[in-house]
Each structure stands twice: as C-alpha cells, then as structure tokens.
Amino acid sequence: MNEITVRAYQPADRDGVISVILPIQREEFGIAISAADQPDLAAIPDFYQSGRGQFWVAVRDGKIVGTLGLKDIGNDQAALRKMFVASGVRGREYGVAAALLSALVAHSTEQGLREIYLGTTDKFLAAHRFYEKNGFSEVRKDTLPPAFPVMAVDSKFYRRALSAS
C-alpha cells in the first residue's frame, strides 16, 4: 500500500512531524537546529491551526512522511512554513509535495486568502524548482509583508497570488 493521504495535523502527530523535519534540516542540509530551537513544533495547534492557518501531514502506511504549515499573518496573507518530505518518498512518482501543496492552496482559497509567502535557504535547490513550477515567484526580502515571520536561515523568498473563489 503506497497510497499517500494528506490530512490535518492532530496532537498525536507531534513526534512523527519532528522525525520527518529534524533529519532533513540537520543531516541533509547541515543546519545545526533542534526541536527546542523551533517552538512552533511544540505548539502546532496554537501556532498554525489558528485564524485561517492550518498544518497538514502526509501519511503513507501509517507513518508521517511529509509536513506543511500555513501561518495566518493577517491582511488576507499567509506564510507557508515547514514543508518537508522524507527522502524515501520524494519525487513525482510519490506526489507527496504536490498533494501537500494542493491541500494548502485549496484551503487558502476557501479561506479567502489573497497571497502566500515563503522563505527558504539557498541550499534547498529542489524546493526552489518545485515552488517555481507551482506558481510561486521569487520576491525581494524588502517587499515581504511586515507580519511575515523571517527565519534566520531564510535567504530566498517567494510569493504566490491566489484567485478569489
């Protein structure tokens, strides 16, 4: 059974989410970071699942293999955060990233959001290509909304406009 299911985060998913995110940050990209350095991971319902935000997990064979957060930053805008896909299920054949992003765009449109912004590092080259193929355009840091939560590791920024539903 290789089917991927995308669903809203539940508190019991916390350890599974961390087990996807931390190895990618630390081992693949060499970012010295811990779960304690990311307080949003300990408070996903309060941080992401408030306002018009949400947090999704992708599940395969009962195991979390992908994550994606949407942080409501006001003014009909949101920040895409914590998009991670486990290395064993990356690529078009699995469709994990596409399924997660599809859930985010559908939710955002349904919620009446106008724009989604994201920040990433120069290191995530495959992510840059993925975002660009999916309607995101690179923007300068000085054009981000004032409420956008810039992370210390962010060096590239993207924006996607949404059409009204």
N, C-alpha and C. Protein backbone atom coordinates (compact mmCIF):
# COMPACT_ATOMS: atom_id res chain seq x y z
N MET A 1 0.85 -1.19 0.00
CA MET A 1 0.00 0.00 0.00
C MET A 1 0.89 1.24 0.00
N ASN A 2 0.99 1.89 -1.14
CA ASN A 2 1.85 3.06 -1.27
C ASN A 2 1.06 4.35 -1.33
N GLU A 3 -0.19 4.30 -1.00
CA GLU A 3 -1.02 5.50 -1.10
C GLU A 3 -0.62 6.55 -0.08
N ILE A 4 -0.67 7.79 -0.53
CA ILE A 4 -0.38 8.93 0.33
C ILE A 4 -1.70 9.58 0.71
N THR A 5 -1.89 9.81 1.98
CA THR A 5 -3.06 10.52 2.48
C THR A 5 -2.60 11.83 3.10
N VAL A 6 -3.26 12.92 2.76
CA VAL A 6 -2.95 14.22 3.37
C VAL A 6 -4.12 14.57 4.26
N ARG A 7 -3.80 14.92 5.51
CA ARG A 7 -4.85 15.29 6.47
C ARG A 7 -4.33 16.35 7.42
N ALA A 8 -5.25 16.98 8.11
CA ALA A 8 -4.89 17.99 9.11
C ALA A 8 -4.13 17.34 10.27
N TYR A 9 -3.18 18.09 10.79
CA TYR A 9 -2.40 17.67 11.95
C TYR A 9 -3.29 17.43 13.15
N GLN A 10 -2.92 16.40 13.92
CA GLN A 10 -3.55 16.10 15.20
C GLN A 10 -2.44 16.05 16.25
N PRO A 11 -2.73 16.40 17.50
CA PRO A 11 -1.68 16.43 18.52
C PRO A 11 -0.85 15.14 18.62
N ALA A 12 -1.44 14.00 18.35
CA ALA A 12 -0.69 12.73 18.41
C ALA A 12 0.36 12.62 17.31
N ASP A 13 0.34 13.54 16.34
CA ASP A 13 1.30 13.53 15.23
C ASP A 13 2.62 14.20 15.57
N ARG A 14 2.73 14.83 16.72
CA ARG A 14 3.90 15.66 17.05
C ARG A 14 5.23 14.95 16.82
N ASP A 15 5.42 13.77 17.38
CA ASP A 15 6.70 13.08 17.25
C ASP A 15 6.97 12.69 15.80
N GLY A 16 5.94 12.28 15.08
CA GLY A 16 6.11 11.93 13.67
C GLY A 16 6.53 13.12 12.84
N VAL A 17 5.98 14.29 13.14
CA VAL A 17 6.35 15.52 12.43
C VAL A 17 7.82 15.84 12.68
N ILE A 18 8.23 15.79 13.93
CA ILE A 18 9.63 16.08 14.28
C ILE A 18 10.56 15.07 13.63
N SER A 19 10.14 13.80 13.55
CA SER A 19 11.00 12.76 12.97
C SER A 19 11.18 12.94 11.46
N VAL A 20 10.31 13.68 10.81
CA VAL A 20 10.49 14.00 9.39
C VAL A 20 11.37 15.24 9.24
N ILE A 21 11.07 16.27 10.01
CA ILE A 21 11.72 17.57 9.83
C ILE A 21 13.18 17.60 10.27
N LEU A 22 13.47 17.15 11.47
CA LEU A 22 14.84 17.29 12.00
C LEU A 22 15.92 16.61 11.16
N PRO A 23 15.75 15.37 10.73
CA PRO A 23 16.82 14.75 9.93
C PRO A 23 17.09 15.51 8.62
N ILE A 24 16.07 16.06 8.02
CA ILE A 24 16.27 16.82 6.78
C ILE A 24 17.07 18.09 7.08
N GLN A 25 16.68 18.81 8.12
CA GLN A 25 17.37 20.04 8.47
C GLN A 25 18.82 19.77 8.84
N ARG A 26 19.03 18.77 9.69
CA ARG A 26 20.36 18.54 10.25
C ARG A 26 21.28 17.73 9.34
N GLU A 27 20.79 16.59 8.87
CA GLU A 27 21.66 15.67 8.13
C GLU A 27 21.78 16.03 6.66
N GLU A 28 20.68 16.39 6.03
CA GLU A 28 20.74 16.69 4.60
C GLU A 28 21.29 18.09 4.32
N PHE A 29 20.92 19.06 5.15
CA PHE A 29 21.29 20.43 4.86
C PHE A 29 22.26 21.04 5.86
N GLY A 30 22.68 20.26 6.85
CA GLY A 30 23.73 20.72 7.75
C GLY A 30 23.36 21.93 8.59
N ILE A 31 22.08 22.08 8.89
CA ILE A 31 21.66 23.19 9.73
C ILE A 31 21.64 22.70 11.18
N ALA A 32 22.42 23.33 12.02
CA ALA A 32 22.50 22.93 13.43
C ALA A 32 21.28 23.46 14.16
N ILE A 33 20.25 22.63 14.22
CA ILE A 33 18.98 23.05 14.82
C ILE A 33 18.36 21.86 15.53
N SER A 34 17.62 22.15 16.59
CA SER A 34 16.93 21.10 17.34
C SER A 34 15.44 21.42 17.39
N ALA A 35 14.67 20.48 17.89
CA ALA A 35 13.24 20.73 18.06
C ALA A 35 13.03 21.89 19.03
N ALA A 36 13.87 21.98 20.04
CA ALA A 36 13.75 23.07 21.03
C ALA A 36 13.98 24.44 20.39
N ASP A 37 14.77 24.47 19.31
CA ASP A 37 15.03 25.73 18.58
C ASP A 37 13.83 26.16 17.74
N GLN A 38 12.82 25.29 17.65
CA GLN A 38 11.65 25.54 16.81
C GLN A 38 10.39 25.42 17.66
N PRO A 39 10.10 26.42 18.48
CA PRO A 39 8.97 26.31 19.41
C PRO A 39 7.63 26.09 18.71
N ASP A 40 7.53 26.47 17.43
CA ASP A 40 6.28 26.22 16.71
C ASP A 40 5.96 24.73 16.63
N LEU A 41 6.98 23.87 16.63
CA LEU A 41 6.74 22.43 16.54
C LEU A 41 6.10 21.88 17.81
N ALA A 42 6.29 22.55 18.93
CA ALA A 42 5.67 22.11 20.19
C ALA A 42 4.28 22.71 20.37
N ALA A 43 3.90 23.63 19.49
CA ALA A 43 2.62 24.33 19.63
C ALA A 43 1.90 24.46 18.29
N ILE A 44 1.91 23.40 17.50
CA ILE A 44 1.32 23.46 16.16
C ILE A 44 -0.14 23.92 16.18
N PRO A 45 -0.99 23.40 17.07
CA PRO A 45 -2.39 23.89 17.05
C PRO A 45 -2.49 25.39 17.29
N ASP A 46 -1.72 25.93 18.24
CA ASP A 46 -1.79 27.36 18.53
C ASP A 46 -1.09 28.20 17.46
N PHE A 47 0.03 27.70 16.96
CA PHE A 47 0.84 28.49 16.03
C PHE A 47 0.27 28.46 14.61
N TYR A 48 -0.09 27.28 14.12
CA TYR A 48 -0.54 27.14 12.73
C TYR A 48 -2.05 27.00 12.58
N GLN A 49 -2.69 26.27 13.46
CA GLN A 49 -4.11 25.95 13.29
C GLN A 49 -5.00 26.99 13.97
N SER A 50 -4.65 28.25 13.78
CA SER A 50 -5.43 29.35 14.32
C SER A 50 -5.69 30.34 13.19
N GLY A 51 -6.68 31.19 13.35
CA GLY A 51 -7.05 32.09 12.28
C GLY A 51 -7.41 31.27 11.05
N ARG A 52 -6.83 31.63 9.92
CA ARG A 52 -7.09 30.88 8.69
C ARG A 52 -5.94 29.94 8.34
N GLY A 53 -5.09 29.69 9.31
CA GLY A 53 -3.95 28.80 9.10
C GLY A 53 -4.33 27.34 9.25
N GLN A 54 -3.35 26.47 9.00
CA GLN A 54 -3.56 25.02 9.12
C GLN A 54 -2.20 24.35 9.05
N PHE A 55 -2.15 23.10 9.42
CA PHE A 55 -0.94 22.30 9.32
C PHE A 55 -1.36 20.92 8.85
N TRP A 56 -0.67 20.43 7.81
CA TRP A 56 -1.02 19.13 7.24
C TRP A 56 0.12 18.15 7.40
N VAL A 57 -0.25 16.88 7.44
CA VAL A 57 0.73 15.80 7.39
C VAL A 57 0.35 14.90 6.21
N ALA A 58 1.38 14.36 5.57
CA ALA A 58 1.19 13.33 4.54
C ALA A 58 1.54 12.01 5.20
N VAL A 59 0.66 11.03 5.04
CA VAL A 59 0.83 9.74 5.70
C VAL A 59 0.89 8.64 4.65
N ARG A 60 1.84 7.74 4.84
CA ARG A 60 1.96 6.56 3.97
C ARG A 60 2.18 5.36 4.87
N ASP A 61 1.38 4.35 4.70
CA ASP A 61 1.48 3.13 5.53
C ASP A 61 1.49 3.44 7.03
N GLY A 62 0.67 4.40 7.43
CA GLY A 62 0.54 4.75 8.84
C GLY A 62 1.65 5.61 9.41
N LYS A 63 2.60 6.01 8.56
CA LYS A 63 3.74 6.80 9.03
C LYS A 63 3.74 8.18 8.37
N ILE A 64 4.04 9.21 9.15
CA ILE A 64 4.12 10.57 8.60
C ILE A 64 5.37 10.66 7.73
N VAL A 65 5.16 11.11 6.48
CA VAL A 65 6.27 11.22 5.53
C VAL A 65 6.41 12.63 4.96
N GLY A 66 5.50 13.52 5.35
CA GLY A 66 5.57 14.89 4.86
C GLY A 66 4.83 15.84 5.78
N THR A 67 5.24 17.11 5.76
CA THR A 67 4.61 18.13 6.61
C THR A 67 4.48 19.43 5.82
N LEU A 68 3.50 20.23 6.21
CA LEU A 68 3.33 21.55 5.62
C LEU A 68 2.47 22.41 6.53
N GLY A 69 2.98 23.60 6.85
CA GLY A 69 2.24 24.53 7.71
C GLY A 69 1.85 25.79 6.95
N LEU A 70 0.73 26.35 7.34
CA LEU A 70 0.26 27.63 6.80
C LEU A 70 -0.03 28.53 8.00
N LYS A 71 0.74 29.60 8.12
CA LYS A 71 0.60 30.55 9.24
C LYS A 71 -0.16 31.78 8.76
N ASP A 72 -1.31 32.05 9.37
CA ASP A 72 -2.09 33.25 9.06
C ASP A 72 -1.31 34.46 9.58
N ILE A 73 -0.97 35.39 8.67
CA ILE A 73 -0.23 36.59 9.10
C ILE A 73 -1.08 37.86 8.96
N GLY A 74 -2.39 37.68 8.76
CA GLY A 74 -3.28 38.83 8.66
C GLY A 74 -3.31 39.42 7.26
N ASN A 75 -4.19 40.37 7.05
CA ASN A 75 -4.30 41.10 5.79
C ASN A 75 -4.54 40.17 4.60
N ASP A 76 -5.27 39.06 4.81
CA ASP A 76 -5.56 38.06 3.77
C ASP A 76 -4.29 37.46 3.20
N GLN A 77 -3.25 37.37 4.03
CA GLN A 77 -1.97 36.81 3.63
C GLN A 77 -1.57 35.71 4.60
N ALA A 78 -0.74 34.79 4.11
CA ALA A 78 -0.27 33.69 4.96
C ALA A 78 1.16 33.34 4.58
N ALA A 79 1.82 32.65 5.51
CA ALA A 79 3.19 32.19 5.29
C ALA A 79 3.19 30.67 5.22
N LEU A 80 3.80 30.14 4.16
CA LEU A 80 3.99 28.70 4.02
C LEU A 80 5.25 28.36 4.81
N ARG A 81 5.14 27.39 5.70
CA ARG A 81 6.26 27.01 6.56
C ARG A 81 6.34 25.49 6.68
N LYS A 82 7.48 25.01 7.04
CA LYS A 82 7.70 23.60 7.41
C LYS A 82 7.28 22.60 6.33
N MET A 83 7.59 22.92 5.06
CA MET A 83 7.32 21.95 4.01
C MET A 83 8.52 21.01 3.91
N PHE A 84 8.30 19.78 4.36
CA PHE A 84 9.34 18.76 4.36
C PHE A 84 8.76 17.44 3.89
N VAL A 85 9.52 16.73 3.07
CA VAL A 85 9.12 15.41 2.59
C VAL A 85 10.29 14.46 2.84
N ALA A 86 10.01 13.34 3.49
CA ALA A 86 11.04 12.34 3.78
C ALA A 86 11.72 11.89 2.49
N SER A 87 13.02 11.66 2.56
CA SER A 87 13.81 11.38 1.35
C SER A 87 13.31 10.17 0.57
N GLY A 88 12.79 9.16 1.24
CA GLY A 88 12.35 7.94 0.56
C GLY A 88 11.09 8.09 -0.26
N VAL A 89 10.38 9.21 -0.11
CA VAL A 89 9.12 9.39 -0.86
C VAL A 89 9.09 10.71 -1.61
N ARG A 90 10.25 11.17 -2.03
CA ARG A 90 10.31 12.40 -2.81
C ARG A 90 10.14 12.08 -4.29
N GLY A 91 9.72 13.08 -5.01
CA GLY A 91 9.64 12.93 -6.46
C GLY A 91 8.21 12.79 -6.95
N ARG A 92 8.08 12.97 -8.24
CA ARG A 92 6.77 12.97 -8.88
C ARG A 92 6.04 11.65 -8.72
N GLU A 93 6.78 10.53 -8.69
CA GLU A 93 6.11 9.23 -8.61
C GLU A 93 5.32 9.05 -7.32
N TYR A 94 5.73 9.73 -6.26
CA TYR A 94 5.00 9.65 -4.99
C TYR A 94 4.00 10.79 -4.85
N GLY A 95 4.36 11.95 -5.33
CA GLY A 95 3.44 13.09 -5.31
C GLY A 95 3.16 13.68 -3.94
N VAL A 96 4.04 13.45 -2.98
CA VAL A 96 3.79 13.93 -1.61
C VAL A 96 3.77 15.46 -1.57
N ALA A 97 4.81 16.10 -2.10
CA ALA A 97 4.87 17.57 -2.06
C ALA A 97 3.69 18.18 -2.80
N ALA A 98 3.36 17.63 -3.97
CA ALA A 98 2.24 18.15 -4.75
C ALA A 98 0.92 18.00 -4.00
N ALA A 99 0.73 16.87 -3.32
CA ALA A 99 -0.50 16.65 -2.56
C ALA A 99 -0.61 17.62 -1.38
N LEU A 100 0.51 17.83 -0.70
CA LEU A 100 0.52 18.79 0.41
C LEU A 100 0.21 20.20 -0.09
N LEU A 101 0.88 20.62 -1.15
CA LEU A 101 0.67 21.96 -1.67
C LEU A 101 -0.76 22.13 -2.19
N SER A 102 -1.31 21.10 -2.80
CA SER A 102 -2.68 21.15 -3.28
C SER A 102 -3.66 21.38 -2.12
N ALA A 103 -3.44 20.70 -1.01
CA ALA A 103 -4.29 20.89 0.18
C ALA A 103 -4.16 22.32 0.69
N LEU A 104 -2.94 22.85 0.71
CA LEU A 104 -2.72 24.22 1.19
C LEU A 104 -3.41 25.24 0.29
N VAL A 105 -3.27 25.09 -1.02
CA VAL A 105 -3.88 26.06 -1.95
C VAL A 105 -5.40 25.99 -1.87
N ALA A 106 -5.96 24.78 -1.81
CA ALA A 106 -7.42 24.64 -1.70
C ALA A 106 -7.93 25.29 -0.42
N HIS A 107 -7.25 25.02 0.69
CA HIS A 107 -7.64 25.61 1.97
C HIS A 107 -7.52 27.14 1.93
N SER A 108 -6.41 27.63 1.40
CA SER A 108 -6.16 29.07 1.35
C SER A 108 -7.22 29.79 0.52
N THR A 109 -7.55 29.21 -0.63
CA THR A 109 -8.57 29.80 -1.50
C THR A 109 -9.93 29.79 -0.80
N GLU A 110 -10.25 28.66 -0.19
CA GLU A 110 -11.52 28.52 0.55
C GLU A 110 -11.61 29.54 1.68
N GLN A 111 -10.48 29.83 2.30
CA GLN A 111 -10.44 30.77 3.43
C GLN A 111 -10.37 32.23 2.99
N GLY A 112 -10.28 32.47 1.68
CA GLY A 112 -10.26 33.84 1.18
C GLY A 112 -8.91 34.53 1.26
N LEU A 113 -7.86 33.75 1.40
CA LEU A 113 -6.52 34.36 1.41
C LEU A 113 -6.17 34.84 0.01
N ARG A 114 -5.42 35.94 -0.08
CA ARG A 114 -5.02 36.51 -1.37
C ARG A 114 -3.60 36.13 -1.78
N GLU A 115 -2.72 35.97 -0.79
CA GLU A 115 -1.31 35.73 -1.10
C GLU A 115 -0.69 34.77 -0.09
N ILE A 116 0.23 33.96 -0.60
CA ILE A 116 1.02 33.08 0.25
C ILE A 116 2.48 33.44 0.03
N TYR A 117 3.21 33.61 1.10
CA TYR A 117 4.64 33.92 1.05
C TYR A 117 5.41 32.78 1.69
N LEU A 118 6.66 32.64 1.30
CA LEU A 118 7.52 31.66 1.97
C LEU A 118 8.96 32.13 1.91
N GLY A 119 9.71 31.65 2.88
CA GLY A 119 11.15 31.89 2.91
C GLY A 119 11.85 30.55 2.94
N THR A 120 13.00 30.48 2.31
CA THR A 120 13.78 29.24 2.28
C THR A 120 15.26 29.60 2.23
N THR A 121 16.10 28.60 2.25
CA THR A 121 17.53 28.87 2.17
C THR A 121 18.03 28.64 0.75
N ASP A 122 19.20 29.16 0.46
CA ASP A 122 19.83 28.94 -0.86
C ASP A 122 20.10 27.46 -1.10
N LYS A 123 20.18 26.68 -0.04
CA LYS A 123 20.56 25.26 -0.15
C LYS A 123 19.45 24.38 -0.74
N PHE A 124 18.19 24.78 -0.59
CA PHE A 124 17.07 23.92 -0.98
C PHE A 124 16.74 24.07 -2.47
N LEU A 125 17.68 23.68 -3.35
CA LEU A 125 17.52 23.92 -4.78
C LEU A 125 16.31 23.19 -5.37
N ALA A 126 16.08 21.96 -4.98
CA ALA A 126 14.92 21.24 -5.49
C ALA A 126 13.63 21.93 -5.05
N ALA A 127 13.63 22.46 -3.85
CA ALA A 127 12.45 23.18 -3.36
C ALA A 127 12.21 24.42 -4.20
N HIS A 128 13.27 25.14 -4.56
CA HIS A 128 13.11 26.34 -5.39
C HIS A 128 12.42 25.98 -6.70
N ARG A 129 12.89 24.92 -7.35
CA ARG A 129 12.28 24.49 -8.62
C ARG A 129 10.82 24.10 -8.42
N PHE A 130 10.54 23.38 -7.34
CA PHE A 130 9.16 22.96 -7.05
C PHE A 130 8.25 24.17 -6.88
N TYR A 131 8.67 25.14 -6.08
CA TYR A 131 7.83 26.33 -5.85
C TYR A 131 7.61 27.08 -7.15
N GLU A 132 8.68 27.25 -7.93
CA GLU A 132 8.56 28.00 -9.19
C GLU A 132 7.63 27.30 -10.17
N LYS A 133 7.67 25.96 -10.23
CA LYS A 133 6.77 25.20 -11.10
C LYS A 133 5.32 25.29 -10.64
N ASN A 134 5.12 25.64 -9.37
CA ASN A 134 3.77 25.65 -8.79
C ASN A 134 3.26 27.07 -8.52
N GLY A 135 3.68 28.01 -9.33
CA GLY A 135 3.09 29.34 -9.30
C GLY A 135 3.69 30.36 -8.35
N PHE A 136 4.80 30.02 -7.71
CA PHE A 136 5.46 30.98 -6.82
C PHE A 136 6.52 31.74 -7.61
N SER A 137 6.64 33.02 -7.34
CA SER A 137 7.65 33.87 -7.96
C SER A 137 8.57 34.40 -6.87
N GLU A 138 9.86 34.46 -7.19
CA GLU A 138 10.82 34.99 -6.22
C GLU A 138 10.57 36.48 -6.01
N VAL A 139 10.64 36.90 -4.76
CA VAL A 139 10.49 38.32 -4.41
C VAL A 139 11.66 38.74 -3.52
N ARG A 140 11.91 40.03 -3.48
CA ARG A 140 12.95 40.57 -2.62
C ARG A 140 12.47 40.60 -1.16
N LYS A 141 13.40 40.43 -0.27
CA LYS A 141 13.09 40.44 1.16
C LYS A 141 12.39 41.74 1.56
N ASP A 142 12.81 42.86 0.98
CA ASP A 142 12.24 44.15 1.39
C ASP A 142 10.80 44.37 0.87
N THR A 143 10.27 43.41 0.10
CA THR A 143 8.88 43.52 -0.36
C THR A 143 7.93 42.61 0.42
N LEU A 144 8.46 41.88 1.39
CA LEU A 144 7.61 40.98 2.19
C LEU A 144 6.67 41.79 3.07
N PRO A 145 5.49 41.23 3.37
CA PRO A 145 4.59 41.92 4.30
C PRO A 145 5.26 42.09 5.66
N PRO A 146 4.96 43.18 6.37
CA PRO A 146 5.60 43.40 7.68
C PRO A 146 5.38 42.25 8.67
N ALA A 147 4.26 41.54 8.56
CA ALA A 147 3.97 40.46 9.50
C ALA A 147 4.62 39.13 9.12
N PHE A 148 5.30 39.07 7.98
CA PHE A 148 5.91 37.81 7.56
C PHE A 148 7.02 37.41 8.53
N PRO A 149 6.98 36.17 9.04
CA PRO A 149 7.99 35.73 10.02
C PRO A 149 9.27 35.25 9.33
N VAL A 150 10.23 36.14 9.17
CA VAL A 150 11.51 35.79 8.54
C VAL A 150 12.33 34.98 9.53
N MET A 151 12.82 33.84 9.07
CA MET A 151 13.67 32.99 9.90
C MET A 151 15.14 33.34 9.62
N ALA A 152 16.00 33.10 10.59
CA ALA A 152 17.41 33.46 10.45
C ALA A 152 18.06 32.78 9.24
N VAL A 153 17.63 31.56 8.90
CA VAL A 153 18.25 30.83 7.79
C VAL A 153 17.67 31.21 6.42
N ASP A 154 16.58 31.99 6.39
CA ASP A 154 15.94 32.35 5.13
C ASP A 154 16.80 33.32 4.32
N SER A 155 17.00 32.99 3.05
CA SER A 155 17.76 33.87 2.17
C SER A 155 17.08 34.07 0.82
N LYS A 156 16.08 33.26 0.52
CA LYS A 156 15.27 33.40 -0.71
C LYS A 156 13.81 33.44 -0.30
N PHE A 157 13.05 34.27 -1.01
CA PHE A 157 11.65 34.46 -0.65
C PHE A 157 10.77 34.35 -1.89
N TYR A 158 9.60 33.79 -1.69
CA TYR A 158 8.66 33.58 -2.79
C TYR A 158 7.27 34.05 -2.41
N ARG A 159 6.46 34.35 -3.45
CA ARG A 159 5.08 34.78 -3.28
C ARG A 159 4.22 34.09 -4.32
N ARG A 160 3.02 33.71 -3.92
CA ARG A 160 2.03 33.20 -4.87
C ARG A 160 0.72 33.93 -4.61
N ALA A 161 0.18 34.53 -5.66
CA ALA A 161 -1.12 35.18 -5.56
C ALA A 161 -2.18 34.11 -5.78
N LEU A 162 -3.29 34.25 -5.07
CA LEU A 162 -4.41 33.32 -5.21
C LEU A 162 -5.58 34.06 -5.84
N SER A 163 -6.30 33.37 -6.67
CA SER A 163 -7.51 33.99 -7.23
C SER A 163 -8.65 33.80 -6.26
N ALA A 164 -9.53 34.76 -6.23
CA ALA A 164 -10.69 34.69 -5.34
C ALA A 164 -11.58 33.53 -5.77
N SER A 165 -12.15 32.84 -4.77
CA SER A 165 -13.01 31.70 -5.10
C SER A 165 -14.41 32.15 -5.44
